Amino acid sequence: MSLEAINKVREQITEESLKIGGSLANFIEEHLNEVCKTEDVATHITAEGKSIEDLISKITSEARKNAKNNVGCLTDEEVLQIIDDYYGIHTKSSSGSGNGNAGTIDILDLM
């Protein structure tokens, strides 16, 4: 897979995120585009049956498990771990999505 092919995967990530819309899709897109630098990662991201839409369902389901008073929250780091686990990619990114906002995501903001 060439750099051109990796860039095509990045375009697919962006297109899917824009189609879905919302802050969680944007967060996922930013992280995936940040880590999609190798053939191996690009292959994991484009694996059959994997989609941002399905990933969002998994993230919101996990947040609901932690809900108190009908509000579920996950930290950026927890969401990043779910993303990496979902796609089978394992990064050592300590900067998160690159947006510099470490903290908690209110699931209501994502819906």
C-alpha atoms as a PDB file:
ATOM      1  CA  MET A   1       0.000   0.000   0.000  1.00  0.00           C
ATOM      2  CA  SER A   2       1.449   3.300  -1.058  1.00  0.00           C
ATOM      3  CA  LEU A   3       1.171   6.733   0.461  1.00  0.00           C
ATOM      4  CA  GLU A   4      -1.519   7.395  -2.144  1.00  0.00           C
ATOM      5  CA  ALA A   5      -3.518   4.417  -0.850  1.00  0.00           C
ATOM      6  CA  ILE A   6      -3.107   5.563   2.773  1.00  0.00           C
ATOM      7  CA  ASN A   7      -4.380   9.011   1.767  1.00  0.00           C
ATOM      8  CA  LYS A   8      -7.375   7.361   0.084  1.00  0.00           C
ATOM      9  CA  VAL A   9      -8.189   5.612   3.394  1.00  0.00           C
ATOM     10  CA  ARG A  10      -7.960   8.985   5.136  1.00  0.00           C
ATOM     11  CA  GLU A  11     -10.401  10.422   2.598  1.00  0.00           C
ATOM     12  CA  GLN A  12     -12.804   7.546   3.285  1.00  0.00           C
ATOM     13  CA  ILE A  13     -12.580   8.229   7.028  1.00  0.00           C
ATOM     14  CA  THR A  14     -13.379  11.901   6.470  1.00  0.00           C
ATOM     15  CA  GLU A  15     -16.272  11.155   4.105  1.00  0.00           C
ATOM     16  CA  GLU A  16     -17.844   8.706   6.551  1.00  0.00           C
ATOM     17  CA  SER A  17     -17.434  11.142   9.436  1.00  0.00           C
ATOM     18  CA  LEU A  18     -19.009  14.011   7.488  1.00  0.00           C
ATOM     19  CA  LYS A  19     -21.915  11.790   6.448  1.00  0.00           C
ATOM     20  CA  ILE A  20     -22.625  10.925  10.097  1.00  0.00           C
ATOM     21  CA  GLY A  21     -21.900  14.375  11.515  1.00  0.00           C
ATOM     22  CA  GLY A  22     -21.540  15.353  15.143  1.00  0.00           C
ATOM     23  CA  SER A  23     -18.723  15.859  17.566  1.00  0.00           C
ATOM     24  CA  LEU A  24     -18.081  12.172  18.274  1.00  0.00           C
ATOM     25  CA  ALA A  25     -17.727  11.359  14.569  1.00  0.00           C
ATOM     26  CA  ASN A  26     -15.333  14.307  14.247  1.00  0.00           C
ATOM     27  CA  PHE A  27     -13.336  13.121  17.271  1.00  0.00           C
ATOM     28  CA  ILE A  28     -13.039   9.627  15.774  1.00  0.00           C
ATOM     29  CA  GLU A  29     -12.072  11.051  12.379  1.00  0.00           C
ATOM     30  CA  GLU A  30      -9.325  13.215  13.868  1.00  0.00           C
ATOM     31  CA  HIS A  31      -7.853  10.295  15.781  1.00  0.00           C
ATOM     32  CA  LEU A  32      -8.006   7.863  12.862  1.00  0.00           C
ATOM     33  CA  ASN A  33      -6.459  10.364  10.470  1.00  0.00           C
ATOM     34  CA  GLU A  34      -3.725  11.040  13.019  1.00  0.00           C
ATOM     35  CA  VAL A  35      -2.825   7.366  13.430  1.00  0.00           C
ATOM     36  CA  CYS A  36      -3.352   6.279   9.808  1.00  0.00           C
ATOM     37  CA  LYS A  37       0.283   6.585   8.786  1.00  0.00           C
ATOM     38  CA  THR A  38       1.142   2.996   7.907  1.00  0.00           C
ATOM     39  CA  GLU A  39      -0.197   0.259   5.674  1.00  0.00           C
ATOM     40  CA  ASP A  40      -0.931  -1.884   8.706  1.00  0.00           C
ATOM     41  CA  VAL A  41      -3.140   0.729  10.378  1.00  0.00           C
ATOM     42  CA  ALA A  42      -4.901   1.581   7.093  1.00  0.00           C
ATOM     43  CA  THR A  43      -5.662  -2.105   6.584  1.00  0.00           C
ATOM     44  CA  HIS A  44      -7.164  -2.382  10.080  1.00  0.00           C
ATOM     45  CA  ILE A  45      -9.295   0.719   9.560  1.00  0.00           C
ATOM     46  CA  THR A  46     -10.708  -0.574   6.269  1.00  0.00           C
ATOM     47  CA  ALA A  47     -11.332  -4.104   7.542  1.00  0.00           C
ATOM     48  CA  GLU A  48     -14.641  -5.575   6.481  1.00  0.00           C
ATOM     49  CA  GLY A  49     -17.451  -4.894   8.905  1.00  0.00           C
ATOM     50  CA  LYS A  50     -15.750  -1.898  10.523  1.00  0.00           C
ATOM     51  CA  SER A  51     -17.415   1.507  10.373  1.00  0.00           C
ATOM     52  CA  ILE A  52     -17.487   4.740  12.318  1.00  0.00           C
ATOM     53  CA  GLU A  53     -21.251   4.354  12.693  1.00  0.00           C
ATOM     54  CA  ASP A  54     -20.857   0.957  14.383  1.00  0.00           C
ATOM     55  CA  LEU A  55     -18.030   2.319  16.513  1.00  0.00           C
ATOM     56  CA  ILE A  56     -20.232   5.189  17.709  1.00  0.00           C
ATOM     57  CA  SER A  57     -22.830   2.627  18.803  1.00  0.00           C
ATOM     58  CA  LYS A  58     -20.174   0.790  20.808  1.00  0.00           C
ATOM     59  CA  ILE A  59     -18.942   4.007  22.434  1.00  0.00           C
ATOM     60  CA  THR A  60     -22.431   5.193  23.382  1.00  0.00           C
ATOM     61  CA  SER A  61     -23.248   1.730  24.712  1.00  0.00           C
ATOM     62  CA  GLU A  62     -20.144   1.844  26.909  1.00  0.00           C
ATOM     63  CA  ALA A  63     -21.076   5.328  28.140  1.00  0.00           C
ATOM     64  CA  ARG A  64     -24.573   4.111  29.022  1.00  0.00           C
ATOM     65  CA  LYS A  65     -23.037   1.366  31.170  1.00  0.00           C
ATOM     66  CA  ASN A  66     -21.390   4.096  33.257  1.00  0.00           C
ATOM     67  CA  ALA A  67     -24.462   6.349  33.311  1.00  0.00           C
ATOM     68  CA  LYS A  68     -25.678   8.014  36.465  1.00  0.00           C
ATOM     69  CA  ASN A  69     -28.982   9.920  36.389  1.00  0.00           C
ATOM     70  CA  ASN A  70     -29.281   9.103  32.664  1.00  0.00           C
ATOM     71  CA  VAL A  71     -25.984  10.831  31.830  1.00  0.00           C
ATOM     72  CA  GLY A  72     -23.097   8.718  30.631  1.00  0.00           C
ATOM     73  CA  CYS A  73     -19.592  10.076  30.290  1.00  0.00           C
ATOM     74  CA  LEU A  74     -16.272   8.729  29.102  1.00  0.00           C
ATOM     75  CA  THR A  75     -12.885  10.411  29.204  1.00  0.00           C
ATOM     76  CA  ASP A  76     -11.065  11.166  25.969  1.00  0.00           C
ATOM     77  CA  GLU A  77      -8.584   8.441  26.874  1.00  0.00           C
ATOM     78  CA  GLU A  78     -11.372   5.874  27.343  1.00  0.00           C
ATOM     79  CA  VAL A  79     -12.878   6.772  23.963  1.00  0.00           C
ATOM     80  CA  LEU A  80      -9.462   6.585  22.286  1.00  0.00           C
ATOM     81  CA  GLN A  81      -8.921   3.138  23.813  1.00  0.00           C
ATOM     82  CA  ILE A  82     -12.304   1.954  22.508  1.00  0.00           C
ATOM     83  CA  ILE A  83     -11.432   3.276  19.029  1.00  0.00           C
ATOM     84  CA  ASP A  84      -8.044   1.564  19.001  1.00  0.00           C
ATOM     85  CA  ASP A  85      -9.481  -1.698  20.333  1.00  0.00           C
ATOM     86  CA  TYR A  86     -12.339  -1.634  17.799  1.00  0.00           C
ATOM     87  CA  TYR A  87      -9.961  -1.299  14.867  1.00  0.00           C
ATOM     88  CA  GLY A  88      -7.246  -3.470  16.389  1.00  0.00           C
ATOM     89  CA  ILE A  89      -4.724  -0.647  16.286  1.00  0.00           C
ATOM     90  CA  HIS A  90      -2.529   0.078  19.235  1.00  0.00           C
ATOM     91  CA  THR A  91      -0.911   3.453  19.463  1.00  0.00           C
ATOM     92  CA  LYS A  92       1.087   5.065  22.198  1.00  0.00           C
ATOM     93  CA  SER A  93      -0.424   8.504  21.556  1.00  0.00           C
ATOM     94  CA  SER A  94      -0.348  10.478  24.772  1.00  0.00           C
ATOM     95  CA  SER A  95      -1.696  13.574  23.081  1.00  0.00           C
ATOM     96  CA  GLY A  96      -5.072  12.019  22.375  1.00  0.00           C
ATOM     97  CA  SER A  97      -6.722  13.253  19.232  1.00  0.00           C
ATOM     98  CA  GLY A  98      -4.320  16.136  18.973  1.00  0.00           C
ATOM     99  CA  ASN A  99      -6.886  18.660  20.091  1.00  0.00           C
ATOM    100  CA  GLY A 100      -5.261  19.138  23.486  1.00  0.00           C
ATOM    101  CA  ASN A 101      -8.530  18.643  25.354  1.00  0.00           C
ATOM    102  CA  ALA A 102      -8.013  15.914  27.879  1.00  0.00           C
ATOM    103  CA  GLY A 103     -11.059  15.374  30.002  1.00  0.00           C
ATOM    104  CA  THR A 104     -14.585  14.077  29.913  1.00  0.00           C
ATOM    105  CA  ILE A 105     -17.015  13.843  27.037  1.00  0.00           C
ATOM    106  CA  ASP A 106     -20.671  14.327  27.972  1.00  0.00           C
ATOM    107  CA  ILE A 107     -22.568  11.735  25.960  1.00  0.00           C
ATOM    108  CA  LEU A 108     -25.471  14.163  25.531  1.00  0.00           C
ATOM    109  CA  ASP A 109     -23.156  16.429  23.516  1.00  0.00           C
ATOM    110  CA  LEU A 110     -22.488  13.524  21.178  1.00  0.00           C
ATOM    111  CA  MET A 111     -26.055  12.608  20.383  1.00  0.00           C
END
